[in-house]
């Protein structure tokens, strides 16, 4: 992974994270808002694990094959601080592709607002800090 490509991924991730944060700030209690937040969450989560994977490869770790393996390695490396929450987030992300129950969608929406958005946003600082350290 070239340094320039890693910075491109980081920039794309920052924009997605900002859009998710923007969506979670809406104070409208309506299914369309839940759907929009969940969709932005799906996109941001996908970018997050791919960014972690790219960083870990840039740092010299072996090629990682899955989100779960990437999250585990990112936790071991110190790139993320709450591996269990990230695994829970991955599990909820996988559920969102097949969610038909409005109650379950609302539960995930609340977790996005209360827990996941902050974890996703924190990844930006952690990656930037590590990039300064490994350069």
N, C-alpha and C. Protein backbone atom coordinates (compact mmCIF):
# COMPACT_ATOMS: atom_id res chain seq x y z
N UNK A 1 0.85 -1.18 0.00
CA UNK A 1 0.00 0.00 0.00
C UNK A 1 0.89 1.23 0.00
N UNK A 2 0.71 2.06 -0.99
CA UNK A 2 1.48 3.30 -1.07
C UNK A 2 0.89 4.34 -0.12
N UNK A 3 1.75 5.19 0.38
CA UNK A 3 1.36 6.21 1.33
C UNK A 3 0.26 7.12 0.77
N UNK A 4 0.38 7.49 -0.49
CA UNK A 4 -0.60 8.38 -1.11
C UNK A 4 -1.99 7.74 -1.13
N UNK A 5 -2.03 6.46 -1.43
CA UNK A 5 -3.31 5.73 -1.49
C UNK A 5 -3.92 5.63 -0.09
N UNK A 6 -3.09 5.43 0.91
CA UNK A 6 -3.57 5.37 2.28
C UNK A 6 -4.19 6.71 2.69
N UNK A 7 -3.55 7.81 2.33
CA UNK A 7 -4.10 9.13 2.64
C UNK A 7 -5.40 9.39 1.88
N UNK A 8 -5.52 8.89 0.66
CA UNK A 8 -6.78 9.01 -0.08
C UNK A 8 -7.90 8.27 0.64
N UNK A 9 -7.61 7.07 1.11
CA UNK A 9 -8.61 6.28 1.85
C UNK A 9 -9.00 7.00 3.14
N UNK A 10 -8.03 7.58 3.82
CA UNK A 10 -8.31 8.31 5.05
C UNK A 10 -9.22 9.50 4.76
N UNK A 11 -8.95 10.22 3.69
CA UNK A 11 -9.76 11.38 3.33
C UNK A 11 -11.20 10.96 3.00
N UNK A 12 -11.35 9.89 2.24
CA UNK A 12 -12.68 9.38 1.91
C UNK A 12 -13.41 8.97 3.18
N UNK A 13 -12.71 8.31 4.07
CA UNK A 13 -13.30 7.87 5.33
C UNK A 13 -13.73 9.07 6.18
N UNK A 14 -12.90 10.11 6.24
CA UNK A 14 -13.25 11.31 7.01
C UNK A 14 -14.56 11.90 6.51
N UNK A 15 -14.70 11.99 5.19
CA UNK A 15 -15.93 12.56 4.63
C UNK A 15 -17.15 11.71 4.98
N UNK A 16 -17.01 10.40 4.89
CA UNK A 16 -18.12 9.50 5.23
C UNK A 16 -18.47 9.61 6.71
N UNK A 17 -17.46 9.68 7.56
CA UNK A 17 -17.68 9.80 8.99
C UNK A 17 -18.39 11.11 9.33
N UNK A 18 -17.98 12.18 8.67
CA UNK A 18 -18.64 13.47 8.89
C UNK A 18 -20.11 13.42 8.48
N UNK A 19 -20.40 12.76 7.39
CA UNK A 19 -21.80 12.63 6.93
C UNK A 19 -22.61 11.79 7.90
N UNK A 20 -22.01 10.75 8.46
CA UNK A 20 -22.71 9.95 9.46
C UNK A 20 -22.99 10.79 10.70
N UNK A 21 -21.99 11.52 11.18
CA UNK A 21 -22.17 12.39 12.34
C UNK A 21 -23.28 13.39 12.09
N UNK A 22 -23.28 13.99 10.92
CA UNK A 22 -24.32 14.94 10.53
C UNK A 22 -25.71 14.29 10.62
N UNK A 23 -25.83 13.08 10.14
CA UNK A 23 -27.12 12.38 10.15
C UNK A 23 -27.56 12.03 11.56
N UNK A 24 -26.61 11.66 12.43
CA UNK A 24 -26.99 11.28 13.79
C UNK A 24 -27.42 12.48 14.62
N UNK A 25 -27.11 13.68 14.18
CA UNK A 25 -27.50 14.89 14.91
C UNK A 25 -28.94 15.30 14.63
N UNK A 26 -29.56 14.74 13.59
CA UNK A 26 -30.94 15.09 13.27
C UNK A 26 -31.85 14.67 14.42
N UNK A 27 -32.76 15.54 14.77
CA UNK A 27 -33.66 15.29 15.88
C UNK A 27 -35.07 14.93 15.39
N UNK A 28 -35.15 14.30 14.26
CA UNK A 28 -36.43 13.94 13.66
C UNK A 28 -36.68 12.46 13.94
N UNK A 29 -37.83 12.17 14.54
CA UNK A 29 -38.19 10.80 14.87
C UNK A 29 -39.08 10.24 13.75
N UNK A 30 -38.39 9.68 12.73
CA UNK A 30 -39.13 9.18 11.56
C UNK A 30 -38.33 8.04 10.93
N UNK A 31 -39.03 7.07 10.39
CA UNK A 31 -38.39 5.89 9.80
C UNK A 31 -37.40 6.26 8.69
N UNK A 32 -37.68 7.30 7.93
CA UNK A 32 -36.78 7.68 6.84
C UNK A 32 -35.43 8.14 7.40
N UNK A 33 -35.44 8.77 8.56
CA UNK A 33 -34.19 9.19 9.20
C UNK A 33 -33.42 7.96 9.67
N UNK A 34 -34.12 7.00 10.29
CA UNK A 34 -33.47 5.76 10.72
C UNK A 34 -32.81 5.08 9.53
N UNK A 35 -33.55 4.99 8.43
CA UNK A 35 -33.02 4.34 7.24
C UNK A 35 -31.77 5.05 6.72
N UNK A 36 -31.82 6.39 6.69
CA UNK A 36 -30.67 7.16 6.20
C UNK A 36 -29.45 7.00 7.09
N UNK A 37 -29.66 7.04 8.40
CA UNK A 37 -28.54 6.88 9.33
C UNK A 37 -27.95 5.48 9.19
N UNK A 38 -28.81 4.47 9.09
CA UNK A 38 -28.32 3.10 8.95
C UNK A 38 -27.55 2.94 7.65
N UNK A 39 -28.03 3.54 6.58
CA UNK A 39 -27.31 3.44 5.31
C UNK A 39 -25.95 4.12 5.39
N UNK A 40 -25.88 5.29 5.99
CA UNK A 40 -24.59 5.97 6.15
C UNK A 40 -23.67 5.17 7.06
N UNK A 41 -24.23 4.54 8.08
CA UNK A 41 -23.46 3.67 8.96
C UNK A 41 -22.86 2.51 8.18
N UNK A 42 -23.66 1.86 7.36
CA UNK A 42 -23.16 0.73 6.57
C UNK A 42 -21.95 1.14 5.73
N UNK A 43 -22.10 2.26 5.03
CA UNK A 43 -21.04 2.76 4.16
C UNK A 43 -19.79 3.11 4.97
N UNK A 44 -19.98 3.81 6.09
CA UNK A 44 -18.86 4.24 6.91
C UNK A 44 -18.15 3.05 7.53
N UNK A 45 -18.91 2.08 8.01
CA UNK A 45 -18.28 0.89 8.58
C UNK A 45 -17.42 0.17 7.54
N UNK A 46 -17.96 0.00 6.34
CA UNK A 46 -17.19 -0.67 5.28
C UNK A 46 -15.88 0.06 5.02
N UNK A 47 -15.95 1.38 4.94
CA UNK A 47 -14.73 2.16 4.74
C UNK A 47 -13.78 2.04 5.94
N UNK A 48 -14.33 1.93 7.14
CA UNK A 48 -13.48 1.88 8.34
C UNK A 48 -12.60 0.63 8.35
N UNK A 49 -13.19 -0.52 8.10
CA UNK A 49 -12.35 -1.72 8.18
C UNK A 49 -11.38 -1.78 7.01
N UNK A 50 -11.77 -1.23 5.86
CA UNK A 50 -10.85 -1.21 4.72
C UNK A 50 -9.70 -0.23 4.97
N UNK A 51 -9.99 0.87 5.67
CA UNK A 51 -8.93 1.80 6.05
C UNK A 51 -7.98 1.15 7.05
N UNK A 52 -8.53 0.47 8.04
CA UNK A 52 -7.67 -0.25 9.00
C UNK A 52 -6.79 -1.26 8.28
N UNK A 53 -7.38 -2.00 7.38
CA UNK A 53 -6.64 -3.01 6.61
C UNK A 53 -5.50 -2.35 5.83
N UNK A 54 -5.81 -1.24 5.16
CA UNK A 54 -4.79 -0.54 4.39
C UNK A 54 -3.67 -0.03 5.29
N UNK A 55 -4.03 0.53 6.44
CA UNK A 55 -3.00 1.01 7.35
C UNK A 55 -2.12 -0.13 7.84
N UNK A 56 -2.74 -1.22 8.25
CA UNK A 56 -1.97 -2.35 8.78
C UNK A 56 -1.02 -2.92 7.73
N UNK A 57 -1.47 -2.97 6.49
CA UNK A 57 -0.59 -3.42 5.40
C UNK A 57 0.54 -2.43 5.19
N UNK A 58 0.23 -1.13 5.25
CA UNK A 58 1.26 -0.08 5.13
C UNK A 58 2.29 -0.23 6.25
N UNK A 59 1.82 -0.61 7.44
CA UNK A 59 2.71 -0.79 8.59
C UNK A 59 3.48 -2.10 8.53
N UNK A 60 3.22 -2.91 7.51
CA UNK A 60 4.02 -4.12 7.31
C UNK A 60 3.37 -5.41 7.75
N UNK A 61 2.12 -5.38 8.18
CA UNK A 61 1.46 -6.61 8.58
C UNK A 61 0.99 -7.36 7.34
N UNK A 62 0.77 -8.65 7.54
CA UNK A 62 0.35 -9.49 6.42
C UNK A 62 -1.02 -9.07 5.90
N UNK A 63 -1.32 -9.50 4.70
CA UNK A 63 -2.60 -9.17 4.09
C UNK A 63 -3.73 -9.82 4.89
N UNK A 64 -4.71 -9.03 5.21
CA UNK A 64 -5.86 -9.50 5.99
C UNK A 64 -7.02 -9.78 5.05
N UNK A 65 -7.78 -10.81 5.35
CA UNK A 65 -8.80 -11.28 4.42
C UNK A 65 -10.23 -10.86 4.76
N UNK A 66 -10.51 -10.51 6.01
CA UNK A 66 -11.90 -10.27 6.39
C UNK A 66 -12.00 -9.11 7.37
N UNK A 67 -13.20 -8.55 7.52
CA UNK A 67 -13.38 -7.50 8.52
C UNK A 67 -13.03 -7.97 9.93
N UNK A 68 -13.46 -9.18 10.29
CA UNK A 68 -13.19 -9.69 11.64
C UNK A 68 -11.68 -9.81 11.89
N UNK A 69 -10.95 -10.36 10.95
CA UNK A 69 -9.49 -10.49 11.09
C UNK A 69 -8.84 -9.12 11.17
N UNK A 70 -9.34 -8.19 10.39
CA UNK A 70 -8.79 -6.83 10.39
C UNK A 70 -9.04 -6.15 11.72
N UNK A 71 -10.25 -6.29 12.25
CA UNK A 71 -10.57 -5.68 13.55
C UNK A 71 -9.70 -6.29 14.65
N UNK A 72 -9.55 -7.58 14.64
CA UNK A 72 -8.70 -8.23 15.65
C UNK A 72 -7.26 -7.73 15.58
N UNK A 73 -6.74 -7.63 14.38
CA UNK A 73 -5.36 -7.18 14.21
C UNK A 73 -5.23 -5.70 14.57
N UNK A 74 -6.22 -4.89 14.22
CA UNK A 74 -6.19 -3.47 14.57
C UNK A 74 -6.21 -3.28 16.08
N UNK A 75 -6.96 -4.12 16.77
CA UNK A 75 -6.99 -4.07 18.24
C UNK A 75 -5.64 -4.49 18.81
N UNK A 76 -5.09 -5.56 18.30
CA UNK A 76 -3.78 -6.03 18.78
C UNK A 76 -2.70 -4.99 18.54
N UNK A 77 -2.79 -4.28 17.43
CA UNK A 77 -1.81 -3.25 17.08
C UNK A 77 -1.98 -2.00 17.95
N UNK A 78 -3.19 -1.78 18.46
CA UNK A 78 -3.49 -0.58 19.24
C UNK A 78 -4.17 0.50 18.43
N UNK A 79 -4.58 0.16 17.24
CA UNK A 79 -5.23 1.13 16.36
C UNK A 79 -6.65 1.45 16.84
N UNK A 80 -7.31 0.47 17.42
CA UNK A 80 -8.61 0.67 18.05
C UNK A 80 -8.49 0.19 19.49
N UNK A 81 -9.37 0.71 20.36
CA UNK A 81 -9.21 0.44 21.78
C UNK A 81 -10.28 -0.46 22.37
N UNK A 82 -11.36 -0.67 21.67
CA UNK A 82 -12.43 -1.52 22.20
C UNK A 82 -12.82 -2.56 21.16
N UNK A 83 -12.05 -3.62 21.12
CA UNK A 83 -12.25 -4.65 20.11
C UNK A 83 -13.63 -5.28 20.17
N UNK A 84 -14.15 -5.49 21.39
CA UNK A 84 -15.48 -6.10 21.52
C UNK A 84 -16.57 -5.21 20.92
N UNK A 85 -16.48 -3.91 21.15
CA UNK A 85 -17.48 -2.99 20.56
C UNK A 85 -17.38 -2.98 19.04
N UNK A 86 -16.17 -3.06 18.52
CA UNK A 86 -16.00 -3.10 17.07
C UNK A 86 -16.57 -4.39 16.49
N UNK A 87 -16.39 -5.50 17.18
CA UNK A 87 -16.98 -6.77 16.71
C UNK A 87 -18.51 -6.68 16.78
N UNK A 88 -19.05 -6.09 17.85
CA UNK A 88 -20.50 -5.88 17.93
C UNK A 88 -20.98 -5.00 16.79
N UNK A 89 -20.19 -3.97 16.47
CA UNK A 89 -20.56 -3.08 15.38
C UNK A 89 -20.57 -3.84 14.06
N UNK A 90 -19.58 -4.69 13.84
CA UNK A 90 -19.53 -5.50 12.63
C UNK A 90 -20.76 -6.42 12.55
N UNK A 91 -21.12 -7.02 13.66
CA UNK A 91 -22.29 -7.90 13.70
C UNK A 91 -23.56 -7.13 13.36
N UNK A 92 -23.71 -5.95 13.95
CA UNK A 92 -24.88 -5.13 13.63
C UNK A 92 -24.85 -4.66 12.19
N UNK A 93 -23.67 -4.35 11.68
CA UNK A 93 -23.57 -3.96 10.26
C UNK A 93 -24.06 -5.10 9.38
N UNK A 94 -23.68 -6.32 9.70
CA UNK A 94 -24.12 -7.47 8.91
C UNK A 94 -25.63 -7.67 9.00
N UNK A 95 -26.20 -7.36 10.14
CA UNK A 95 -27.66 -7.47 10.31
C UNK A 95 -28.41 -6.46 9.45
N UNK A 96 -27.82 -5.29 9.25
CA UNK A 96 -28.54 -4.23 8.55
C UNK A 96 -28.85 -4.58 7.10
N UNK A 97 -28.11 -5.49 6.52
CA UNK A 97 -28.37 -5.89 5.14
C UNK A 97 -29.67 -6.68 5.01
N UNK A 98 -30.12 -7.26 6.12
CA UNK A 98 -31.29 -8.13 6.08
C UNK A 98 -32.32 -7.74 7.14
N UNK A 99 -32.36 -6.47 7.47
CA UNK A 99 -33.23 -6.04 8.55
C UNK A 99 -34.63 -5.74 8.01
N UNK A 100 -35.60 -6.41 8.55
CA UNK A 100 -36.99 -6.20 8.15
C UNK A 100 -37.85 -5.80 9.35
N UNK A 101 -37.32 -5.99 10.53
CA UNK A 101 -38.04 -5.68 11.76
C UNK A 101 -37.75 -4.23 12.15
N UNK A 102 -38.79 -3.42 12.23
CA UNK A 102 -38.60 -2.01 12.54
C UNK A 102 -38.02 -1.81 13.95
N UNK A 103 -38.38 -2.68 14.87
CA UNK A 103 -37.84 -2.59 16.23
C UNK A 103 -36.34 -2.83 16.26
N UNK A 104 -35.89 -3.83 15.49
CA UNK A 104 -34.46 -4.12 15.43
C UNK A 104 -33.71 -2.98 14.74
N UNK A 105 -34.32 -2.42 13.71
CA UNK A 105 -33.70 -1.27 13.02
C UNK A 105 -33.54 -0.10 13.98
N UNK A 106 -34.55 0.13 14.78
CA UNK A 106 -34.48 1.24 15.74
C UNK A 106 -33.41 0.97 16.80
N UNK A 107 -33.28 -0.27 17.24
CA UNK A 107 -32.25 -0.63 18.22
C UNK A 107 -30.86 -0.36 17.65
N UNK A 108 -30.63 -0.74 16.42
CA UNK A 108 -29.33 -0.50 15.78
C UNK A 108 -29.11 1.00 15.57
N UNK A 109 -30.16 1.71 15.18
CA UNK A 109 -30.08 3.16 15.01
C UNK A 109 -29.61 3.81 16.31
N UNK A 110 -30.19 3.40 17.44
CA UNK A 110 -29.81 3.97 18.74
C UNK A 110 -28.35 3.64 19.05
N UNK A 111 -27.91 2.41 18.77
CA UNK A 111 -26.51 2.04 19.01
C UNK A 111 -25.57 2.87 18.13
N UNK A 112 -26.00 3.14 16.90
CA UNK A 112 -25.18 3.99 16.01
C UNK A 112 -25.01 5.36 16.66
N UNK A 113 -26.10 5.94 17.12
CA UNK A 113 -26.06 7.27 17.72
C UNK A 113 -25.28 7.30 19.03
N UNK A 114 -25.45 6.27 19.86
CA UNK A 114 -24.90 6.30 21.21
C UNK A 114 -23.49 5.73 21.33
N UNK A 115 -23.11 4.81 20.42
CA UNK A 115 -21.82 4.12 20.58
C UNK A 115 -21.00 4.15 19.29
N UNK A 116 -21.57 3.66 18.21
CA UNK A 116 -20.79 3.39 17.01
C UNK A 116 -20.26 4.64 16.33
N UNK A 117 -21.05 5.69 16.30
CA UNK A 117 -20.60 6.92 15.62
C UNK A 117 -19.33 7.45 16.27
N UNK A 118 -19.27 7.40 17.59
CA UNK A 118 -18.07 7.87 18.30
C UNK A 118 -16.86 6.97 18.02
N UNK A 119 -17.08 5.66 18.00
CA UNK A 119 -15.97 4.75 17.68
C UNK A 119 -15.45 5.01 16.27
N UNK A 120 -16.36 5.17 15.34
CA UNK A 120 -15.97 5.41 13.95
C UNK A 120 -15.22 6.74 13.81
N UNK A 121 -15.70 7.76 14.51
CA UNK A 121 -15.04 9.06 14.47
C UNK A 121 -13.66 8.99 15.12
N UNK A 122 -13.54 8.23 16.21
CA UNK A 122 -12.27 8.10 16.90
C UNK A 122 -11.19 7.43 16.07
N UNK A 123 -11.61 6.61 15.12
CA UNK A 123 -10.63 5.95 14.25
C UNK A 123 -9.80 6.97 13.48
N UNK A 124 -10.39 8.08 13.13
CA UNK A 124 -9.66 9.12 12.38
C UNK A 124 -8.45 9.59 13.18
N UNK A 125 -8.69 9.96 14.43
CA UNK A 125 -7.58 10.44 15.28
C UNK A 125 -6.52 9.37 15.47
N UNK A 126 -6.98 8.13 15.69
CA UNK A 126 -6.02 7.03 15.92
C UNK A 126 -5.16 6.79 14.68
N UNK A 127 -5.77 6.79 13.51
CA UNK A 127 -5.00 6.58 12.27
C UNK A 127 -4.02 7.73 12.05
N UNK A 128 -4.50 8.95 12.23
CA UNK A 128 -3.61 10.10 12.02
C UNK A 128 -2.44 10.08 13.00
N UNK A 129 -2.70 9.73 14.24
CA UNK A 129 -1.64 9.64 15.24
C UNK A 129 -0.63 8.55 14.86
N UNK A 130 -1.12 7.42 14.44
CA UNK A 130 -0.22 6.32 14.05
C UNK A 130 0.57 6.66 12.79
N UNK A 131 -0.06 7.37 11.86
CA UNK A 131 0.67 7.78 10.66
C UNK A 131 1.84 8.69 10.99
N UNK A 132 1.63 9.59 11.94
CA UNK A 132 2.74 10.47 12.36
C UNK A 132 3.85 9.64 13.02
N UNK A 133 3.46 8.61 13.74
CA UNK A 133 4.42 7.78 14.47
C UNK A 133 5.25 6.90 13.53
N UNK A 134 4.64 6.34 12.50
CA UNK A 134 5.35 5.39 11.64
C UNK A 134 6.09 6.03 10.48
N UNK A 135 5.95 7.32 10.31
CA UNK A 135 6.60 7.97 9.16
C UNK A 135 8.07 8.19 9.39
